[in-house]
N, C-alpha and C. Protein backbone atom coordinates (compact mmCIF):
# COMPACT_ATOMS: atom_id res chain seq x y z
N MET A 1 -77.17 105.20 -19.75
CA MET A 1 -76.02 104.48 -20.02
C MET A 1 -75.48 103.87 -18.72
N ASN A 2 -74.95 102.58 -18.86
CA ASN A 2 -74.46 101.99 -17.79
C ASN A 2 -72.94 102.28 -17.61
N GLU A 3 -72.46 102.52 -16.32
CA GLU A 3 -71.06 102.81 -16.12
C GLU A 3 -70.53 101.82 -15.28
N PHE A 4 -69.10 101.41 -15.46
CA PHE A 4 -68.43 100.57 -14.42
C PHE A 4 -67.24 101.36 -14.22
N ARG A 5 -66.94 101.57 -12.85
CA ARG A 5 -65.75 102.42 -12.42
C ARG A 5 -65.01 101.62 -11.41
N PRO A 6 -64.18 100.70 -11.86
CA PRO A 6 -63.24 99.93 -10.93
C PRO A 6 -62.33 100.90 -10.43
N TYR A 7 -61.79 100.68 -9.18
CA TYR A 7 -60.51 101.30 -8.63
C TYR A 7 -59.65 100.18 -8.32
N LEU A 8 -58.38 100.37 -9.01
CA LEU A 8 -57.43 99.31 -8.88
C LEU A 8 -56.29 99.97 -8.23
N PHE A 9 -55.59 99.27 -7.40
CA PHE A 9 -54.37 99.61 -6.70
C PHE A 9 -53.16 98.96 -6.95
N PHE A 10 -52.20 99.55 -7.41
CA PHE A 10 -51.03 98.70 -7.61
C PHE A 10 -49.74 99.29 -6.76
N ASN A 11 -48.98 98.48 -6.24
CA ASN A 11 -47.64 98.99 -5.63
C ASN A 11 -46.48 99.40 -6.62
N LYS A 12 -46.69 98.63 -7.85
CA LYS A 12 -45.55 98.83 -8.88
C LYS A 12 -46.37 98.66 -10.24
N ASN A 13 -45.70 99.22 -11.25
CA ASN A 13 -46.09 98.85 -12.58
C ASN A 13 -47.42 99.40 -13.05
N SER A 14 -47.97 100.36 -12.39
CA SER A 14 -49.27 100.79 -12.87
C SER A 14 -49.44 101.36 -14.30
N GLU A 15 -48.29 101.97 -14.60
CA GLU A 15 -48.31 102.50 -16.01
C GLU A 15 -48.27 101.39 -17.00
N GLU A 16 -47.50 100.29 -16.65
CA GLU A 16 -47.61 99.14 -17.59
C GLU A 16 -48.95 98.49 -17.60
N ALA A 17 -49.54 98.37 -16.43
CA ALA A 17 -50.94 97.74 -16.45
C ALA A 17 -51.85 98.62 -17.23
N LEU A 18 -51.93 99.87 -17.11
CA LEU A 18 -52.71 100.81 -17.92
C LEU A 18 -52.54 100.52 -19.37
N LYS A 19 -51.36 100.40 -19.80
CA LYS A 19 -51.05 100.24 -21.19
C LYS A 19 -51.51 98.83 -21.75
N LEU A 20 -51.45 97.71 -20.89
CA LEU A 20 -51.99 96.51 -21.04
C LEU A 20 -53.56 96.52 -21.26
N TYR A 21 -54.24 97.36 -20.27
CA TYR A 21 -55.64 97.42 -20.36
C TYR A 21 -56.16 98.19 -21.61
N LYS A 22 -55.42 99.21 -21.99
CA LYS A 22 -55.66 100.00 -23.21
C LYS A 22 -55.60 99.08 -24.39
N GLU A 23 -54.58 98.21 -24.42
CA GLU A 23 -54.29 97.33 -25.52
C GLU A 23 -55.42 96.32 -25.69
N CYS A 24 -55.80 95.81 -24.45
CA CYS A 24 -56.89 94.69 -24.40
C CYS A 24 -58.24 95.14 -24.70
N PHE A 25 -58.65 96.31 -24.16
CA PHE A 25 -59.97 96.93 -24.15
C PHE A 25 -60.25 97.99 -25.13
N GLY A 26 -59.12 98.56 -25.76
CA GLY A 26 -59.18 99.71 -26.68
C GLY A 26 -59.34 101.02 -25.76
N GLY A 27 -59.99 101.95 -26.29
CA GLY A 27 -60.44 103.11 -25.54
C GLY A 27 -59.23 104.17 -25.58
N GLU A 28 -59.40 105.13 -24.64
CA GLU A 28 -58.58 106.36 -24.68
C GLU A 28 -58.19 106.57 -23.25
N ILE A 29 -56.90 106.89 -23.03
CA ILE A 29 -56.38 107.30 -21.71
C ILE A 29 -56.87 108.84 -21.51
N SER A 30 -57.70 108.99 -20.69
CA SER A 30 -58.49 110.35 -20.62
C SER A 30 -57.93 111.16 -19.40
N GLU A 31 -57.19 110.54 -18.53
CA GLU A 31 -56.86 111.25 -17.33
C GLU A 31 -55.47 110.66 -16.69
N VAL A 32 -54.39 111.32 -16.53
CA VAL A 32 -53.26 110.92 -15.88
C VAL A 32 -52.73 111.95 -14.74
N ASN A 33 -52.78 111.55 -13.63
CA ASN A 33 -52.35 112.46 -12.51
C ASN A 33 -51.21 111.89 -11.77
N ARG A 34 -50.18 112.61 -11.61
CA ARG A 34 -49.00 112.09 -10.74
C ARG A 34 -48.98 112.74 -9.38
N VAL A 35 -48.18 112.26 -8.60
CA VAL A 35 -48.11 112.83 -7.12
C VAL A 35 -47.69 114.23 -7.36
N SER A 36 -46.89 114.68 -8.33
CA SER A 36 -46.58 116.12 -8.51
C SER A 36 -47.62 116.96 -8.91
N ASP A 37 -48.75 116.44 -9.22
CA ASP A 37 -49.99 117.16 -9.68
C ASP A 37 -50.91 117.50 -8.61
N THR A 38 -50.66 116.84 -7.46
CA THR A 38 -51.54 117.04 -6.30
C THR A 38 -51.16 118.18 -5.35
N PRO A 39 -52.12 118.58 -4.57
CA PRO A 39 -51.84 119.61 -3.53
C PRO A 39 -50.91 119.05 -2.46
N MET A 40 -50.56 117.91 -2.21
CA MET A 40 -49.82 117.42 -1.20
C MET A 40 -48.36 117.19 -1.72
N LYS A 41 -48.07 117.72 -2.99
CA LYS A 41 -46.83 117.34 -3.66
C LYS A 41 -45.55 117.72 -2.75
N ASP A 42 -45.81 118.92 -1.93
CA ASP A 42 -44.68 119.47 -1.25
C ASP A 42 -44.44 118.67 -0.09
N LYS A 43 -45.23 117.77 0.40
CA LYS A 43 -45.02 116.87 1.51
C LYS A 43 -44.63 115.57 1.27
N MET A 44 -44.48 115.28 -0.01
CA MET A 44 -44.17 113.99 -0.45
C MET A 44 -42.59 113.88 -0.86
N PRO A 45 -41.99 112.68 -0.79
CA PRO A 45 -40.46 112.70 -1.01
C PRO A 45 -40.40 112.85 -2.60
N GLN A 46 -39.27 113.32 -2.96
CA GLN A 46 -38.79 113.50 -4.35
C GLN A 46 -39.05 112.24 -5.20
N GLU A 47 -38.68 111.20 -4.60
CA GLU A 47 -38.59 109.84 -5.38
C GLU A 47 -40.15 109.43 -5.67
N LEU A 48 -41.12 110.10 -4.93
CA LEU A 48 -42.50 109.69 -5.33
C LEU A 48 -43.21 110.76 -6.22
N GLN A 49 -42.58 111.78 -6.80
CA GLN A 49 -43.26 112.89 -7.41
C GLN A 49 -43.71 112.53 -8.76
N ASN A 50 -42.86 111.51 -9.34
CA ASN A 50 -43.35 111.06 -10.86
C ASN A 50 -44.21 109.93 -10.82
N LYS A 51 -44.58 109.25 -9.58
CA LYS A 51 -45.55 108.14 -9.49
C LYS A 51 -46.93 108.50 -9.89
N LEU A 52 -47.70 107.55 -10.40
CA LEU A 52 -49.13 107.80 -10.72
C LEU A 52 -49.90 107.71 -9.44
N CYS A 53 -51.02 108.67 -9.22
CA CYS A 53 -51.80 108.50 -8.16
C CYS A 53 -53.30 108.23 -8.71
N MET A 54 -53.62 108.69 -9.87
CA MET A 54 -54.91 108.50 -10.51
C MET A 54 -54.81 108.53 -12.03
N LEU A 55 -55.55 107.59 -12.66
CA LEU A 55 -55.59 107.65 -14.12
C LEU A 55 -57.00 107.03 -14.69
N ALA A 56 -57.34 107.38 -15.86
CA ALA A 56 -58.65 107.05 -16.30
C ALA A 56 -58.42 106.46 -17.70
N LEU A 57 -59.28 105.42 -18.00
CA LEU A 57 -59.16 104.59 -19.36
C LEU A 57 -60.63 104.63 -19.79
N LYS A 58 -60.98 105.42 -20.69
CA LYS A 58 -62.46 105.38 -21.25
C LYS A 58 -62.64 104.43 -22.30
N VAL A 59 -63.51 103.53 -22.07
CA VAL A 59 -63.81 102.36 -23.22
C VAL A 59 -65.26 102.39 -23.54
N GLY A 60 -65.39 102.19 -24.83
CA GLY A 60 -66.77 102.02 -25.40
C GLY A 60 -67.76 103.41 -25.26
N GLN A 61 -67.12 104.43 -25.55
CA GLN A 61 -67.85 105.68 -25.57
C GLN A 61 -68.24 106.09 -26.98
């Protein structure tokens, strides 16, 4: 099976972008990780704790 794994970077609105891609391509949001889920969370400012750092959308499985 062929795979396509793009990495996209957003300064803002990444959650909105994910919802748009899910709407356009279908699929399943299979992973959502926030700054607060990382080992570095204690070194990050409080205002960044809820920001997304990695997510995955599985399409055509």
